[in-house]
Protein backbone atom coordinates (compact mmCIF):
# COMPACT_ATOMS: atom_id res chain seq x y z
CA UNK A 1 0.00 0.00 0.00
CA UNK A 2 1.45 3.35 -1.01
CA UNK A 3 0.47 5.05 2.24
CA UNK A 4 3.01 2.94 4.12
CA UNK A 5 0.33 1.32 6.29
CA UNK A 6 0.27 -2.47 6.34
CA UNK A 7 -2.60 -4.49 7.82
CA UNK A 8 -1.78 -7.80 9.54
CA UNK A 9 -4.23 -10.46 10.70
CA UNK A 10 -3.70 -11.41 14.33
CA UNK A 11 -4.43 -9.62 17.59
CA UNK A 12 -1.89 -7.28 19.17
CA UNK A 13 0.15 -8.35 22.15
CA UNK A 14 -1.05 -7.10 25.52
CA UNK A 15 1.57 -4.37 25.85
CA UNK A 16 0.75 -2.93 22.42
CA UNK A 17 -2.96 -3.07 23.18
CA UNK A 18 -2.51 -1.08 26.39
CA UNK A 19 -0.11 1.42 24.76
CA UNK A 20 -2.39 2.18 21.84
CA UNK A 21 -5.56 2.32 23.94
CA UNK A 22 -3.83 4.83 26.23
CA UNK A 23 -2.37 6.85 23.34
CA UNK A 24 -5.81 7.02 21.71
CA UNK A 25 -7.43 8.25 24.94
CA UNK A 26 -9.32 5.03 25.64
CA UNK A 27 -9.64 3.33 29.01
CA UNK A 28 -6.73 1.10 30.00
CA UNK A 29 -6.60 -1.96 32.19
CA UNK A 30 -4.02 -4.04 34.02
CA UNK A 31 -1.46 -6.01 32.04
CA UNK A 32 -3.00 -9.22 33.40
CA UNK A 33 -6.44 -8.24 32.07
CA UNK A 34 -4.94 -7.31 28.71
CA UNK A 35 -3.08 -10.62 28.43
CA UNK A 36 -6.20 -12.62 29.26
CA UNK A 37 -8.29 -10.55 26.85
CA UNK A 38 -5.85 -10.87 23.97
CA UNK A 39 -5.53 -14.62 24.55
CA UNK A 40 -9.30 -14.96 24.21
CA UNK A 41 -9.67 -12.89 21.04
CA UNK A 42 -11.73 -14.47 18.28
CA UNK A 43 -9.92 -12.36 15.68
CA UNK A 44 -7.71 -9.31 15.64
CA UNK A 45 -5.64 -7.08 13.43
CA UNK A 46 -2.71 -4.75 13.75
CA UNK A 47 -1.60 -2.00 11.41
CA UNK A 48 2.07 -1.15 11.09
CA UNK A 49 3.84 1.90 9.75
CA UNK A 50 7.42 0.90 9.21
CA UNK A 51 8.23 -1.41 12.10
CA UNK A 52 5.83 0.24 14.57
CA UNK A 53 2.32 -1.03 15.37
CA UNK A 54 0.17 2.11 15.12
CA UNK A 55 -3.35 0.64 14.98
CA UNK A 56 -5.28 -2.29 16.44
CA UNK A 57 -8.72 -3.85 16.53
CA UNK A 58 -10.26 -7.06 17.81
CA UNK A 59 -13.41 -9.17 17.70
CA UNK A 60 -14.30 -10.87 20.96
CA UNK A 61 -17.23 -13.05 21.96
CA UNK A 62 -18.39 -16.63 22.20
CA UNK A 63 -17.93 -17.46 18.51
CA UNK A 64 -21.50 -18.73 18.27
CA UNK A 65 -23.95 -15.89 18.41
CA UNK A 66 -22.37 -13.05 20.38
CA UNK A 67 -19.57 -10.98 18.82
CA UNK A 68 -18.22 -7.59 19.90
CA UNK A 69 -15.96 -5.27 17.94
CA UNK A 70 -13.43 -4.03 20.47
CA UNK A 71 -10.20 -2.07 20.98
CA UNK A 72 -10.27 0.05 17.83
CA UNK A 73 -7.30 2.29 18.55
CA UNK A 74 -4.98 4.31 16.34
CA UNK A 75 -1.97 6.30 17.52
CA UNK A 76 -2.60 10.08 17.45
CA UNK A 77 -0.02 10.79 14.71
CA UNK A 78 -1.87 8.38 12.40
CA UNK A 79 -5.47 9.35 13.12
CA UNK A 80 -7.51 10.80 10.27
CA UNK A 81 -5.49 8.90 7.64
CA UNK A 82 -7.81 5.97 6.99
CA UNK A 83 -6.21 3.54 9.44
CA UNK A 84 -9.38 2.98 11.49
CA UNK A 85 -11.28 2.45 8.22
CA UNK A 86 -8.74 -0.25 7.26
CA UNK A 87 -9.23 -1.92 10.64
CA UNK A 88 -13.02 -1.79 10.51
CA UNK A 89 -13.09 -3.05 6.93
CA UNK A 90 -11.05 -6.12 7.86
CA UNK A 91 -12.99 -6.82 11.06
CA UNK A 92 -16.40 -6.54 9.36
CA UNK A 93 -15.17 -8.71 6.47
CA UNK A 94 -14.11 -11.35 9.01
CA UNK A 95 -17.50 -11.09 10.73
CA UNK A 96 -19.37 -11.54 7.43
CA UNK A 97 -17.26 -14.64 6.72
CA UNK A 98 -17.38 -16.15 10.23
CA UNK A 99 -20.38 -14.94 12.25
CA UNK A 100 -23.42 -17.18 11.64
CA UNK A 101 -26.72 -15.77 10.42
CA UNK A 102 -28.73 -14.06 13.14
CA UNK A 103 -25.62 -13.36 15.20
CA UNK A 104 -25.62 -10.41 17.56
CA UNK A 105 -22.70 -8.10 16.78
CA UNK A 106 -22.13 -5.15 19.12
CA UNK A 107 -19.68 -2.31 19.45
CA UNK A 108 -19.18 -0.02 22.41
CA UNK A 109 -17.24 3.21 21.89
CA UNK A 110 -15.36 4.69 24.87
CA UNK A 111 -15.87 8.30 23.89
CA UNK A 112 -18.83 9.50 21.87
CA UNK A 113 -20.12 7.90 18.71
CA UNK A 114 -17.59 8.14 15.93
CA UNK A 115 -19.38 8.45 12.56
CA UNK A 116 -16.93 5.88 11.18
CA UNK A 117 -18.83 3.06 12.86
CA UNK A 118 -22.12 4.07 11.22
CA UNK A 119 -20.43 3.67 7.83
CA UNK A 120 -20.00 0.00 8.68
CA UNK A 121 -23.66 -0.52 9.59
CA UNK A 122 -23.48 0.02 13.35
CA UNK A 123 -26.20 2.16 14.86
CA UNK A 124 -27.09 3.56 18.23
CA UNK A 125 -29.52 1.27 20.00
CA UNK A 126 -33.02 2.64 19.87
CA UNK A 127 -36.35 1.82 21.46
CA UNK A 128 -36.31 -1.74 20.10
CA UNK A 129 -32.90 -2.48 21.66
CA UNK A 130 -31.62 -1.76 25.13
CA UNK A 131 -27.91 -1.62 25.82
CA UNK A 132 -26.87 -2.01 29.42
CA UNK A 133 -23.56 -2.43 31.20
CA UNK A 134 -22.77 -3.80 34.63
CA UNK A 135 -20.16 -2.15 36.82
CA UNK A 136 -19.02 -4.79 39.29
CA UNK A 137 -17.46 -2.14 41.55
CA UNK A 138 -20.65 -0.08 41.90
CA UNK A 139 -22.29 -2.35 44.44
C-alpha atoms as a PDB file:
ATOM      1  CA  UNK A   1       0.000   0.000   0.000  1.00  0.00           C
ATOM      2  CA  UNK A   2       1.454   3.345  -1.013  1.00  0.00           C
ATOM      3  CA  UNK A   3       0.473   5.048   2.239  1.00  0.00           C
ATOM      4  CA  UNK A   4       3.006   2.940   4.121  1.00  0.00           C
ATOM      5  CA  UNK A   5       0.326   1.320   6.291  1.00  0.00           C
ATOM      6  CA  UNK A   6       0.274  -2.474   6.343  1.00  0.00           C
ATOM      7  CA  UNK A   7      -2.599  -4.492   7.817  1.00  0.00           C
ATOM      8  CA  UNK A   8      -1.780  -7.799   9.540  1.00  0.00           C
ATOM      9  CA  UNK A   9      -4.229 -10.456  10.698  1.00  0.00           C
ATOM     10  CA  UNK A  10      -3.697 -11.411  14.333  1.00  0.00           C
ATOM     11  CA  UNK A  11      -4.431  -9.618  17.593  1.00  0.00           C
ATOM     12  CA  UNK A  12      -1.888  -7.276  19.174  1.00  0.00           C
ATOM     13  CA  UNK A  13       0.154  -8.347  22.152  1.00  0.00           C
ATOM     14  CA  UNK A  14      -1.049  -7.096  25.522  1.00  0.00           C
ATOM     15  CA  UNK A  15       1.575  -4.366  25.851  1.00  0.00           C
ATOM     16  CA  UNK A  16       0.747  -2.930  22.418  1.00  0.00           C
ATOM     17  CA  UNK A  17      -2.960  -3.072  23.183  1.00  0.00           C
ATOM     18  CA  UNK A  18      -2.508  -1.078  26.389  1.00  0.00           C
ATOM     19  CA  UNK A  19      -0.108   1.416  24.760  1.00  0.00           C
ATOM     20  CA  UNK A  20      -2.395   2.184  21.837  1.00  0.00           C
ATOM     21  CA  UNK A  21      -5.560   2.317  23.941  1.00  0.00           C
ATOM     22  CA  UNK A  22      -3.831   4.831  26.232  1.00  0.00           C
ATOM     23  CA  UNK A  23      -2.366   6.850  23.340  1.00  0.00           C
ATOM     24  CA  UNK A  24      -5.805   7.025  21.707  1.00  0.00           C
ATOM     25  CA  UNK A  25      -7.431   8.252  24.936  1.00  0.00           C
ATOM     26  CA  UNK A  26      -9.322   5.030  25.640  1.00  0.00           C
ATOM     27  CA  UNK A  27      -9.637   3.329  29.012  1.00  0.00           C
ATOM     28  CA  UNK A  28      -6.727   1.105  29.996  1.00  0.00           C
ATOM     29  CA  UNK A  29      -6.596  -1.956  32.192  1.00  0.00           C
ATOM     30  CA  UNK A  30      -4.025  -4.037  34.021  1.00  0.00           C
ATOM     31  CA  UNK A  31      -1.463  -6.009  32.041  1.00  0.00           C
ATOM     32  CA  UNK A  32      -3.002  -9.220  33.404  1.00  0.00           C
ATOM     33  CA  UNK A  33      -6.436  -8.241  32.073  1.00  0.00           C
ATOM     34  CA  UNK A  34      -4.936  -7.309  28.711  1.00  0.00           C
ATOM     35  CA  UNK A  35      -3.078 -10.620  28.434  1.00  0.00           C
ATOM     36  CA  UNK A  36      -6.199 -12.618  29.255  1.00  0.00           C
ATOM     37  CA  UNK A  37      -8.287 -10.551  26.853  1.00  0.00           C
ATOM     38  CA  UNK A  38      -5.845 -10.869  23.968  1.00  0.00           C
ATOM     39  CA  UNK A  39      -5.528 -14.623  24.549  1.00  0.00           C
ATOM     40  CA  UNK A  40      -9.304 -14.961  24.212  1.00  0.00           C
ATOM     41  CA  UNK A  41      -9.674 -12.892  21.037  1.00  0.00           C
ATOM     42  CA  UNK A  42     -11.725 -14.466  18.281  1.00  0.00           C
ATOM     43  CA  UNK A  43      -9.924 -12.357  15.679  1.00  0.00           C
ATOM     44  CA  UNK A  44      -7.709  -9.309  15.642  1.00  0.00           C
ATOM     45  CA  UNK A  45      -5.637  -7.075  13.429  1.00  0.00           C
ATOM     46  CA  UNK A  46      -2.708  -4.753  13.753  1.00  0.00           C
ATOM     47  CA  UNK A  47      -1.600  -2.001  11.412  1.00  0.00           C
ATOM     48  CA  UNK A  48       2.073  -1.151  11.092  1.00  0.00           C
ATOM     49  CA  UNK A  49       3.838   1.899   9.747  1.00  0.00           C
ATOM     50  CA  UNK A  50       7.422   0.896   9.206  1.00  0.00           C
ATOM     51  CA  UNK A  51       8.231  -1.413  12.096  1.00  0.00           C
ATOM     52  CA  UNK A  52       5.828   0.240  14.575  1.00  0.00           C
ATOM     53  CA  UNK A  53       2.318  -1.028  15.369  1.00  0.00           C
ATOM     54  CA  UNK A  54       0.173   2.109  15.116  1.00  0.00           C
ATOM     55  CA  UNK A  55      -3.347   0.644  14.981  1.00  0.00           C
ATOM     56  CA  UNK A  56      -5.278  -2.289  16.436  1.00  0.00           C
ATOM     57  CA  UNK A  57      -8.716  -3.848  16.527  1.00  0.00           C
ATOM     58  CA  UNK A  58     -10.264  -7.064  17.812  1.00  0.00           C
ATOM     59  CA  UNK A  59     -13.410  -9.171  17.697  1.00  0.00           C
ATOM     60  CA  UNK A  60     -14.301 -10.866  20.964  1.00  0.00           C
ATOM     61  CA  UNK A  61     -17.234 -13.052  21.961  1.00  0.00           C
ATOM     62  CA  UNK A  62     -18.392 -16.626  22.198  1.00  0.00           C
ATOM     63  CA  UNK A  63     -17.931 -17.460  18.511  1.00  0.00           C
ATOM     64  CA  UNK A  64     -21.500 -18.735  18.274  1.00  0.00           C
ATOM     65  CA  UNK A  65     -23.952 -15.894  18.406  1.00  0.00           C
ATOM     66  CA  UNK A  66     -22.372 -13.049  20.382  1.00  0.00           C
ATOM     67  CA  UNK A  67     -19.569 -10.977  18.821  1.00  0.00           C
ATOM     68  CA  UNK A  68     -18.224  -7.585  19.901  1.00  0.00           C
ATOM     69  CA  UNK A  69     -15.962  -5.273  17.940  1.00  0.00           C
ATOM     70  CA  UNK A  70     -13.431  -4.031  20.474  1.00  0.00           C
ATOM     71  CA  UNK A  71     -10.205  -2.074  20.976  1.00  0.00           C
ATOM     72  CA  UNK A  72     -10.270   0.047  17.826  1.00  0.00           C
ATOM     73  CA  UNK A  73      -7.299   2.287  18.554  1.00  0.00           C
ATOM     74  CA  UNK A  74      -4.978   4.310  16.341  1.00  0.00           C
ATOM     75  CA  UNK A  75      -1.967   6.300  17.516  1.00  0.00           C
ATOM     76  CA  UNK A  76      -2.596  10.076  17.453  1.00  0.00           C
ATOM     77  CA  UNK A  77      -0.023  10.791  14.714  1.00  0.00           C
ATOM     78  CA  UNK A  78      -1.869   8.384  12.404  1.00  0.00           C
ATOM     79  CA  UNK A  79      -5.473   9.347  13.116  1.00  0.00           C
ATOM     80  CA  UNK A  80      -7.507  10.801  10.272  1.00  0.00           C
ATOM     81  CA  UNK A  81      -5.493   8.904   7.642  1.00  0.00           C
ATOM     82  CA  UNK A  82      -7.810   5.969   6.994  1.00  0.00           C
ATOM     83  CA  UNK A  83      -6.207   3.542   9.443  1.00  0.00           C
ATOM     84  CA  UNK A  84      -9.378   2.978  11.486  1.00  0.00           C
ATOM     85  CA  UNK A  85     -11.279   2.449   8.225  1.00  0.00           C
ATOM     86  CA  UNK A  86      -8.737  -0.255   7.264  1.00  0.00           C
ATOM     87  CA  UNK A  87      -9.225  -1.921  10.642  1.00  0.00           C
ATOM     88  CA  UNK A  88     -13.023  -1.794  10.507  1.00  0.00           C
ATOM     89  CA  UNK A  89     -13.089  -3.054   6.930  1.00  0.00           C
ATOM     90  CA  UNK A  90     -11.052  -6.124   7.855  1.00  0.00           C
ATOM     91  CA  UNK A  91     -12.994  -6.821  11.061  1.00  0.00           C
ATOM     92  CA  UNK A  92     -16.401  -6.539   9.358  1.00  0.00           C
ATOM     93  CA  UNK A  93     -15.169  -8.715   6.474  1.00  0.00           C
ATOM     94  CA  UNK A  94     -14.109 -11.349   9.008  1.00  0.00           C
ATOM     95  CA  UNK A  95     -17.502 -11.086  10.727  1.00  0.00           C
ATOM     96  CA  UNK A  96     -19.368 -11.539   7.426  1.00  0.00           C
ATOM     97  CA  UNK A  97     -17.263 -14.641   6.721  1.00  0.00           C
ATOM     98  CA  UNK A  98     -17.383 -16.150  10.233  1.00  0.00           C
ATOM     99  CA  UNK A  99     -20.383 -14.940  12.250  1.00  0.00           C
ATOM    100  CA  UNK A 100     -23.420 -17.182  11.640  1.00  0.00           C
ATOM    101  CA  UNK A 101     -26.719 -15.774  10.419  1.00  0.00           C
ATOM    102  CA  UNK A 102     -28.734 -14.060  13.144  1.00  0.00           C
ATOM    103  CA  UNK A 103     -25.616 -13.362  15.198  1.00  0.00           C
ATOM    104  CA  UNK A 104     -25.615 -10.408  17.562  1.00  0.00           C
ATOM    105  CA  UNK A 105     -22.697  -8.096  16.781  1.00  0.00           C
ATOM    106  CA  UNK A 106     -22.135  -5.155  19.116  1.00  0.00           C
ATOM    107  CA  UNK A 107     -19.675  -2.312  19.449  1.00  0.00           C
ATOM    108  CA  UNK A 108     -19.178  -0.015  22.415  1.00  0.00           C
ATOM    109  CA  UNK A 109     -17.235   3.215  21.889  1.00  0.00           C
ATOM    110  CA  UNK A 110     -15.357   4.692  24.873  1.00  0.00           C
ATOM    111  CA  UNK A 111     -15.874   8.300  23.886  1.00  0.00           C
ATOM    112  CA  UNK A 112     -18.832   9.504  21.865  1.00  0.00           C
ATOM    113  CA  UNK A 113     -20.122   7.903  18.709  1.00  0.00           C
ATOM    114  CA  UNK A 114     -17.587   8.139  15.926  1.00  0.00           C
ATOM    115  CA  UNK A 115     -19.382   8.453  12.557  1.00  0.00           C
ATOM    116  CA  UNK A 116     -16.932   5.880  11.183  1.00  0.00           C
ATOM    117  CA  UNK A 117     -18.833   3.059  12.858  1.00  0.00           C
ATOM    118  CA  UNK A 118     -22.116   4.070  11.225  1.00  0.00           C
ATOM    119  CA  UNK A 119     -20.427   3.670   7.827  1.00  0.00           C
ATOM    120  CA  UNK A 120     -19.995   0.003   8.679  1.00  0.00           C
ATOM    121  CA  UNK A 121     -23.656  -0.518   9.594  1.00  0.00           C
ATOM    122  CA  UNK A 122     -23.477   0.022  13.355  1.00  0.00           C
ATOM    123  CA  UNK A 123     -26.195   2.161  14.862  1.00  0.00           C
ATOM    124  CA  UNK A 124     -27.088   3.561  18.233  1.00  0.00           C
ATOM    125  CA  UNK A 125     -29.521   1.269  20.004  1.00  0.00           C
ATOM    126  CA  UNK A 126     -33.021   2.644  19.868  1.00  0.00           C
ATOM    127  CA  UNK A 127     -36.348   1.820  21.457  1.00  0.00           C
ATOM    128  CA  UNK A 128     -36.311  -1.740  20.104  1.00  0.00           C
ATOM    129  CA  UNK A 129     -32.896  -2.476  21.665  1.00  0.00           C
ATOM    130  CA  UNK A 130     -31.621  -1.761  25.132  1.00  0.00           C
ATOM    131  CA  UNK A 131     -27.910  -1.620  25.821  1.00  0.00           C
ATOM    132  CA  UNK A 132     -26.873  -2.012  29.424  1.00  0.00           C
ATOM    133  CA  UNK A 133     -23.557  -2.432  31.201  1.00  0.00           C
ATOM    134  CA  UNK A 134     -22.768  -3.798  34.635  1.00  0.00           C
ATOM    135  CA  UNK A 135     -20.162  -2.152  36.819  1.00  0.00           C
ATOM    136  CA  UNK A 136     -19.020  -4.792  39.288  1.00  0.00           C
ATOM    137  CA  UNK A 137     -17.463  -2.138  41.552  1.00  0.00           C
ATOM    138  CA  UNK A 138     -20.652  -0.076  41.899  1.00  0.00           C
ATOM    139  CA  UNK A 139     -22.290  -2.354  44.437  1.00  0.00           C
END
